[in-house]
Amino acid sequence: MLAASHKNIIDKEKNDFTRAGAIFLSNYPSCFVGKEEHWHAIRLRIATNFSIEVSNVRLTGSGHLGASAFKSTIFDEKKSDLDIAIISPALFSRYLTWVILETKSFTRLSAFPRLSDGRSGLEEFKLYVSQKGMIRPDLLPAGKFKTEWMSFFRDLSADNSLLCKKITAAIYVSEECFVQKQIPSIRKFI
């Protein structure tokens, strides 16, 4: 079930972008009601690790909404992931620059992961970057940045295993791109 505060916004607002922004840019994630200090500690650890502001770290998905828009399930600490959005043009640029250098301007395809259908993750990576303003770390090419990213979030997940199954994150170039990506989730609750 969608959190009551979020349901009120959906009922009140008529514009999808305004709805998504009002919900996902608020700092009231449903899964941390009564456990706000845990949410702050997670945000602070991410911000410190990536040298960004705490306010650049947002929760999205079922952890924020209280329910999954696509699975029709409520957030469950034993089964649900915490999906983090890091909204930072500087971090986005740092990772994209590394990808360009690491792959020799996207000519070293072997660095990108293989998708389940056997294709290189390069096209998917470029689609997310160019159309969504988002870097999905699972699509990063092999190398130092990906290894460090995955290690950090594996450790963060282990340290917070009583709060969720695991913690994942993506990097967004702007709040606008982040909000735009959330619109399909909001539409599921209308």
C-alpha atoms as a PDB file:
ATOM      1  CA  MET A   1       0.000   0.000   0.000  1.00  0.00           C
ATOM      2  CA  LEU A   2       1.235   3.461  -0.887  1.00  0.00           C
ATOM      3  CA  ALA A   3       2.099   5.692   2.073  1.00  0.00           C
ATOM      4  CA  ALA A   4      -0.782   8.037   2.958  1.00  0.00           C
ATOM      5  CA  SER A   5       1.311  11.193   2.546  1.00  0.00           C
ATOM      6  CA  HIS A   6       2.314  10.122  -0.949  1.00  0.00           C
ATOM      7  CA  LYS A   7      -1.266   9.139  -1.835  1.00  0.00           C
ATOM      8  CA  ASN A   8      -2.441  12.629  -0.824  1.00  0.00           C
ATOM      9  CA  ILE A   9       0.064  14.229  -3.206  1.00  0.00           C
ATOM     10  CA  ILE A  10      -1.013  11.953  -6.063  1.00  0.00           C
ATOM     11  CA  ASP A  11      -4.664  12.815  -5.443  1.00  0.00           C
ATOM     12  CA  LYS A  12      -3.996  16.555  -5.122  1.00  0.00           C
ATOM     13  CA  GLU A  13      -1.481  17.223  -7.904  1.00  0.00           C
ATOM     14  CA  LYS A  14      -2.530  16.926 -11.543  1.00  0.00           C
ATOM     15  CA  ASN A  15       0.831  17.234 -13.307  1.00  0.00           C
ATOM     16  CA  ASP A  16       2.933  14.032 -13.358  1.00  0.00           C
ATOM     17  CA  PHE A  17       6.264  15.883 -13.095  1.00  0.00           C
ATOM     18  CA  THR A  18       4.993  17.906 -10.110  1.00  0.00           C
ATOM     19  CA  ARG A  19       3.646  14.738  -8.469  1.00  0.00           C
ATOM     20  CA  ALA A  20       6.907  12.847  -8.923  1.00  0.00           C
ATOM     21  CA  GLY A  21       8.998  15.790  -7.695  1.00  0.00           C
ATOM     22  CA  ALA A  22       6.824  16.407  -4.646  1.00  0.00           C
ATOM     23  CA  ILE A  23       7.066  12.763  -3.642  1.00  0.00           C
ATOM     24  CA  PHE A  24      10.614  11.753  -4.547  1.00  0.00           C
ATOM     25  CA  LEU A  25      12.392  14.988  -3.666  1.00  0.00           C
ATOM     26  CA  SER A  26      10.846  14.956  -0.200  1.00  0.00           C
ATOM     27  CA  ASN A  27      12.985  13.434   2.500  1.00  0.00           C
ATOM     28  CA  TYR A  28      10.264  11.259   4.006  1.00  0.00           C
ATOM     29  CA  PRO A  29      10.934   7.705   2.862  1.00  0.00           C
ATOM     30  CA  SER A  30       8.252   5.302   4.045  1.00  0.00           C
ATOM     31  CA  CYS A  31      10.554   2.508   5.135  1.00  0.00           C
ATOM     32  CA  PHE A  32      12.391   4.769   7.597  1.00  0.00           C
ATOM     33  CA  VAL A  33       9.420   6.132   9.538  1.00  0.00           C
ATOM     34  CA  GLY A  34      10.543   5.892  13.148  1.00  0.00           C
ATOM     35  CA  LYS A  35      14.077   4.994  11.991  1.00  0.00           C
ATOM     36  CA  GLU A  36      15.146   8.339  10.581  1.00  0.00           C
ATOM     37  CA  GLU A  37      18.589   8.093  12.188  1.00  0.00           C
ATOM     38  CA  HIS A  38      19.309   4.978  10.089  1.00  0.00           C
ATOM     39  CA  TRP A  39      18.368   6.796   6.885  1.00  0.00           C
ATOM     40  CA  HIS A  40      20.582   9.729   7.839  1.00  0.00           C
ATOM     41  CA  ALA A  41      23.500   7.396   8.621  1.00  0.00           C
ATOM     42  CA  ILE A  42      23.169   5.680   5.223  1.00  0.00           C
ATOM     43  CA  ARG A  43      22.964   9.023   3.404  1.00  0.00           C
ATOM     44  CA  LEU A  44      25.960  10.389   5.318  1.00  0.00           C
ATOM     45  CA  ARG A  45      28.069   7.322   4.562  1.00  0.00           C
ATOM     46  CA  ILE A  46      27.265   7.534   0.823  1.00  0.00           C
ATOM     47  CA  ALA A  47      27.883  11.284   0.733  1.00  0.00           C
ATOM     48  CA  THR A  48      31.186  10.939   2.551  1.00  0.00           C
ATOM     49  CA  ASN A  49      32.366   8.078   0.337  1.00  0.00           C
ATOM     50  CA  PHE A  50      31.633   9.964  -2.892  1.00  0.00           C
ATOM     51  CA  SER A  51      32.519  13.471  -1.621  1.00  0.00           C
ATOM     52  CA  ILE A  52      29.053  14.877  -2.271  1.00  0.00           C
ATOM     53  CA  GLU A  53      26.424  16.664  -0.190  1.00  0.00           C
ATOM     54  CA  VAL A  54      24.062  14.559   1.930  1.00  0.00           C
ATOM     55  CA  SER A  55      21.154  16.297   0.172  1.00  0.00           C
ATOM     56  CA  ASN A  56      22.317  14.680  -3.110  1.00  0.00           C
ATOM     57  CA  VAL A  57      21.359  11.245  -1.769  1.00  0.00           C
ATOM     58  CA  ARG A  58      17.701  10.278  -2.238  1.00  0.00           C
ATOM     59  CA  LEU A  59      15.701   7.126  -1.750  1.00  0.00           C
ATOM     60  CA  THR A  60      13.489   5.886  -4.550  1.00  0.00           C
ATOM     61  CA  GLY A  61      11.457   2.767  -5.279  1.00  0.00           C
ATOM     62  CA  SER A  62       9.435   0.816  -2.747  1.00  0.00           C
ATOM     63  CA  GLY A  63      11.595   1.995   0.145  1.00  0.00           C
ATOM     64  CA  HIS A  64      10.492   5.543  -0.491  1.00  0.00           C
ATOM     65  CA  LEU A  65       6.916   4.880  -1.557  1.00  0.00           C
ATOM     66  CA  GLY A  66       6.170   2.038   0.869  1.00  0.00           C
ATOM     67  CA  ALA A  67       5.105  -0.190  -2.031  1.00  0.00           C
ATOM     68  CA  SER A  68       6.477  -1.317  -5.365  1.00  0.00           C
ATOM     69  CA  ALA A  69       4.800   0.373  -8.303  1.00  0.00           C
ATOM     70  CA  PHE A  70       5.552  -2.558 -10.599  1.00  0.00           C
ATOM     71  CA  LYS A  71       5.371  -5.649  -8.365  1.00  0.00           C
ATOM     72  CA  SER A  72       2.275  -4.660  -6.349  1.00  0.00           C
ATOM     73  CA  THR A  73       4.040  -5.544  -3.093  1.00  0.00           C
ATOM     74  CA  ILE A  74       4.710  -3.524   0.043  1.00  0.00           C
ATOM     75  CA  PHE A  75       8.258  -2.807   1.205  1.00  0.00           C
ATOM     76  CA  ASP A  76       9.564  -5.792   3.159  1.00  0.00           C
ATOM     77  CA  GLU A  77      12.832  -5.443   5.112  1.00  0.00           C
ATOM     78  CA  LYS A  78      13.710  -9.085   4.450  1.00  0.00           C
ATOM     79  CA  LYS A  79      12.961  -9.110   0.712  1.00  0.00           C
ATOM     80  CA  SER A  80      13.174  -5.550  -0.619  1.00  0.00           C
ATOM     81  CA  ASP A  81      16.139  -3.571  -1.898  1.00  0.00           C
ATOM     82  CA  LEU A  82      16.806   0.051  -1.026  1.00  0.00           C
ATOM     83  CA  ASP A  83      17.176   1.908  -4.313  1.00  0.00           C
ATOM     84  CA  ILE A  84      19.290   5.031  -3.917  1.00  0.00           C
ATOM     85  CA  ALA A  85      19.494   7.942  -6.337  1.00  0.00           C
ATOM     86  CA  ILE A  86      22.649  10.024  -6.178  1.00  0.00           C
ATOM     87  CA  ILE A  87      21.852  13.324  -7.865  1.00  0.00           C
ATOM     88  CA  SER A  88      25.171  14.983  -8.623  1.00  0.00           C
ATOM     89  CA  PRO A  89      26.334  16.537 -11.894  1.00  0.00           C
ATOM     90  CA  ALA A  90      29.938  16.383 -10.614  1.00  0.00           C
ATOM     91  CA  LEU A  91      29.802  12.668  -9.755  1.00  0.00           C
ATOM     92  CA  PHE A  92      27.989  11.922 -13.024  1.00  0.00           C
ATOM     93  CA  SER A  93      30.743  13.740 -14.925  1.00  0.00           C
ATOM     94  CA  ARG A  94      33.498  11.983 -12.968  1.00  0.00           C
ATOM     95  CA  TYR A  95      32.115   8.528 -13.778  1.00  0.00           C
ATOM     96  CA  LEU A  96      31.299   9.329 -17.404  1.00  0.00           C
ATOM     97  CA  THR A  97      34.789  10.752 -17.954  1.00  0.00           C
ATOM     98  CA  TRP A  98      36.287   7.603 -16.439  1.00  0.00           C
ATOM     99  CA  VAL A  99      34.146   5.435 -18.758  1.00  0.00           C
ATOM    100  CA  ILE A 100      35.281   7.397 -21.821  1.00  0.00           C
ATOM    101  CA  LEU A 101      38.938   7.065 -20.831  1.00  0.00           C
ATOM    102  CA  GLU A 102      38.668   3.429 -19.677  1.00  0.00           C
ATOM    103  CA  THR A 103      36.987   2.328 -22.926  1.00  0.00           C
ATOM    104  CA  LYS A 104      39.100   4.515 -25.224  1.00  0.00           C
ATOM    105  CA  SER A 105      36.076   6.579 -26.293  1.00  0.00           C
ATOM    106  CA  PHE A 106      33.743   3.561 -26.394  1.00  0.00           C
ATOM    107  CA  THR A 107      35.951   1.512 -28.722  1.00  0.00           C
ATOM    108  CA  ARG A 108      36.985  -1.149 -26.186  1.00  0.00           C
ATOM    109  CA  LEU A 109      33.694  -3.050 -26.051  1.00  0.00           C
ATOM    110  CA  SER A 110      35.060  -5.971 -24.058  1.00  0.00           C
ATOM    111  CA  ALA A 111      35.143  -3.742 -20.968  1.00  0.00           C
ATOM    112  CA  PHE A 112      31.335  -3.560 -20.854  1.00  0.00           C
ATOM    113  CA  PRO A 113      29.343  -6.339 -19.202  1.00  0.00           C
ATOM    114  CA  ARG A 114      27.405  -8.829 -21.305  1.00  0.00           C
ATOM    115  CA  LEU A 115      23.632  -8.589 -20.993  1.00  0.00           C
ATOM    116  CA  SER A 116      21.473 -11.674 -20.451  1.00  0.00           C
ATOM    117  CA  ASP A 117      20.791 -11.854 -24.201  1.00  0.00           C
ATOM    118  CA  GLY A 118      24.523 -11.864 -24.967  1.00  0.00           C
ATOM    119  CA  ARG A 119      24.792  -8.272 -26.213  1.00  0.00           C
ATOM    120  CA  SER A 120      27.400  -5.856 -24.900  1.00  0.00           C
ATOM    121  CA  GLY A 121      26.090  -3.495 -22.235  1.00  0.00           C
ATOM    122  CA  LEU A 122      27.548  -0.549 -24.178  1.00  0.00           C
ATOM    123  CA  GLU A 123      24.338   0.325 -26.038  1.00  0.00           C
ATOM    124  CA  GLU A 124      22.269   0.043 -22.857  1.00  0.00           C
ATOM    125  CA  PHE A 125      24.794   2.197 -20.991  1.00  0.00           C
ATOM    126  CA  LYS A 126      24.684   4.878 -23.693  1.00  0.00           C
ATOM    127  CA  LEU A 127      20.869   4.780 -23.767  1.00  0.00           C
ATOM    128  CA  TYR A 128      20.617   5.411 -20.011  1.00  0.00           C
ATOM    129  CA  VAL A 129      23.192   8.203 -20.127  1.00  0.00           C
ATOM    130  CA  SER A 130      21.793   9.979 -23.198  1.00  0.00           C
ATOM    131  CA  GLN A 131      18.046   9.466 -22.715  1.00  0.00           C
ATOM    132  CA  LYS A 132      17.658   9.314 -18.949  1.00  0.00           C
ATOM    133  CA  GLY A 133      20.646  11.277 -17.623  1.00  0.00           C
ATOM    134  CA  MET A 134      21.465   8.256 -15.467  1.00  0.00           C
ATOM    135  CA  ILE A 135      24.462   6.000 -14.904  1.00  0.00           C
ATOM    136  CA  ARG A 136      23.579   2.464 -13.850  1.00  0.00           C
ATOM    137  CA  PRO A 137      26.665   1.004 -12.157  1.00  0.00           C
ATOM    138  CA  ASP A 138      25.788  -2.544 -13.240  1.00  0.00           C
ATOM    139  CA  LEU A 139      26.374  -1.328 -16.816  1.00  0.00           C
ATOM    140  CA  LEU A 140      29.752   0.278 -16.069  1.00  0.00           C
ATOM    141  CA  PRO A 141      32.753  -1.250 -17.805  1.00  0.00           C
ATOM    142  CA  ALA A 142      35.098  -3.411 -15.763  1.00  0.00           C
ATOM    143  CA  GLY A 143      37.709  -1.420 -13.909  1.00  0.00           C
ATOM    144  CA  LYS A 144      38.654   0.370 -10.726  1.00  0.00           C
ATOM    145  CA  PHE A 145      35.571   2.612 -10.452  1.00  0.00           C
ATOM    146  CA  LYS A 146      33.114  -0.257 -10.916  1.00  0.00           C
ATOM    147  CA  THR A 147      34.999  -2.505  -8.498  1.00  0.00           C
ATOM    148  CA  GLU A 148      35.106   0.206  -5.829  1.00  0.00           C
ATOM    149  CA  TRP A 149      31.416   1.064  -6.372  1.00  0.00           C
ATOM    150  CA  MET A 150      30.253  -2.539  -6.071  1.00  0.00           C
ATOM    151  CA  SER A 151      32.459  -3.146  -3.028  1.00  0.00           C
ATOM    152  CA  PHE A 152      31.177  -0.037  -1.255  1.00  0.00           C
ATOM    153  CA  PHE A 153      27.510  -0.933  -1.778  1.00  0.00           C
ATOM    154  CA  ARG A 154      28.110  -4.594  -0.873  1.00  0.00           C
ATOM    155  CA  ASP A 155      29.624  -3.452   2.458  1.00  0.00           C
ATOM    156  CA  LEU A 156      26.859  -0.887   3.017  1.00  0.00           C
ATOM    157  CA  SER A 157      24.256  -3.585   2.368  1.00  0.00           C
ATOM    158  CA  ALA A 158      25.916  -5.991   4.798  1.00  0.00           C
ATOM    159  CA  ASP A 159      26.037  -3.321   7.481  1.00  0.00           C
ATOM    160  CA  ASN A 160      22.310  -2.600   7.036  1.00  0.00           C
ATOM    161  CA  SER A 161      21.021  -6.133   6.504  1.00  0.00           C
ATOM    162  CA  LEU A 162      18.330  -5.709   9.164  1.00  0.00           C
ATOM    163  CA  LEU A 163      16.814  -2.812   7.198  1.00  0.00           C
ATOM    164  CA  CYS A 164      16.739  -4.329   3.704  1.00  0.00           C
ATOM    165  CA  LYS A 165      17.924  -7.147   1.467  1.00  0.00           C
ATOM    166  CA  LYS A 166      20.518  -4.974  -0.276  1.00  0.00           C
ATOM    167  CA  ILE A 167      21.309  -1.380  -1.189  1.00  0.00           C
ATOM    168  CA  THR A 168      21.837  -0.309  -4.781  1.00  0.00           C
ATOM    169  CA  ALA A 169      22.346   3.109  -6.323  1.00  0.00           C
ATOM    170  CA  ALA A 170      22.434   4.993  -9.603  1.00  0.00           C
ATOM    171  CA  ILE A 171      23.867   8.406 -10.472  1.00  0.00           C
ATOM    172  CA  TYR A 172      21.672  11.107 -12.022  1.00  0.00           C
ATOM    173  CA  VAL A 173      22.981  14.199 -13.774  1.00  0.00           C
ATOM    174  CA  SER A 174      20.155  16.409 -12.408  1.00  0.00           C
ATOM    175  CA  GLU A 175      17.022  16.507 -10.268  1.00  0.00           C
ATOM    176  CA  GLU A 176      14.980  16.961 -13.436  1.00  0.00           C
ATOM    177  CA  CYS A 177      16.298  13.704 -14.921  1.00  0.00           C
ATOM    178  CA  PHE A 178      15.694  11.902 -11.627  1.00  0.00           C
ATOM    179  CA  VAL A 179      12.117  13.191 -11.358  1.00  0.00           C
ATOM    180  CA  GLN A 180      11.397  12.346 -15.007  1.00  0.00           C
ATOM    181  CA  LYS A 181      12.541   8.753 -14.372  1.00  0.00           C
ATOM    182  CA  GLN A 182      10.055   8.463 -11.460  1.00  0.00           C
ATOM    183  CA  ILE A 183       6.950   9.421 -13.478  1.00  0.00           C
ATOM    184  CA  PRO A 184       6.119   5.842 -14.595  1.00  0.00           C
ATOM    185  CA  SER A 185       6.122   4.760 -10.921  1.00  0.00           C
ATOM    186  CA  ILE A 186       3.746   7.557  -9.957  1.00  0.00           C
ATOM    187  CA  ARG A 187       1.408   6.773 -12.862  1.00  0.00           C
ATOM    188  CA  LYS A 188       0.997   3.211 -11.531  1.00  0.00           C
ATOM    189  CA  PHE A 189      -0.704   4.648  -8.439  1.00  0.00           C
ATOM    190  CA  ILE A 190      -3.095   7.006 -10.240  1.00  0.00           C
END
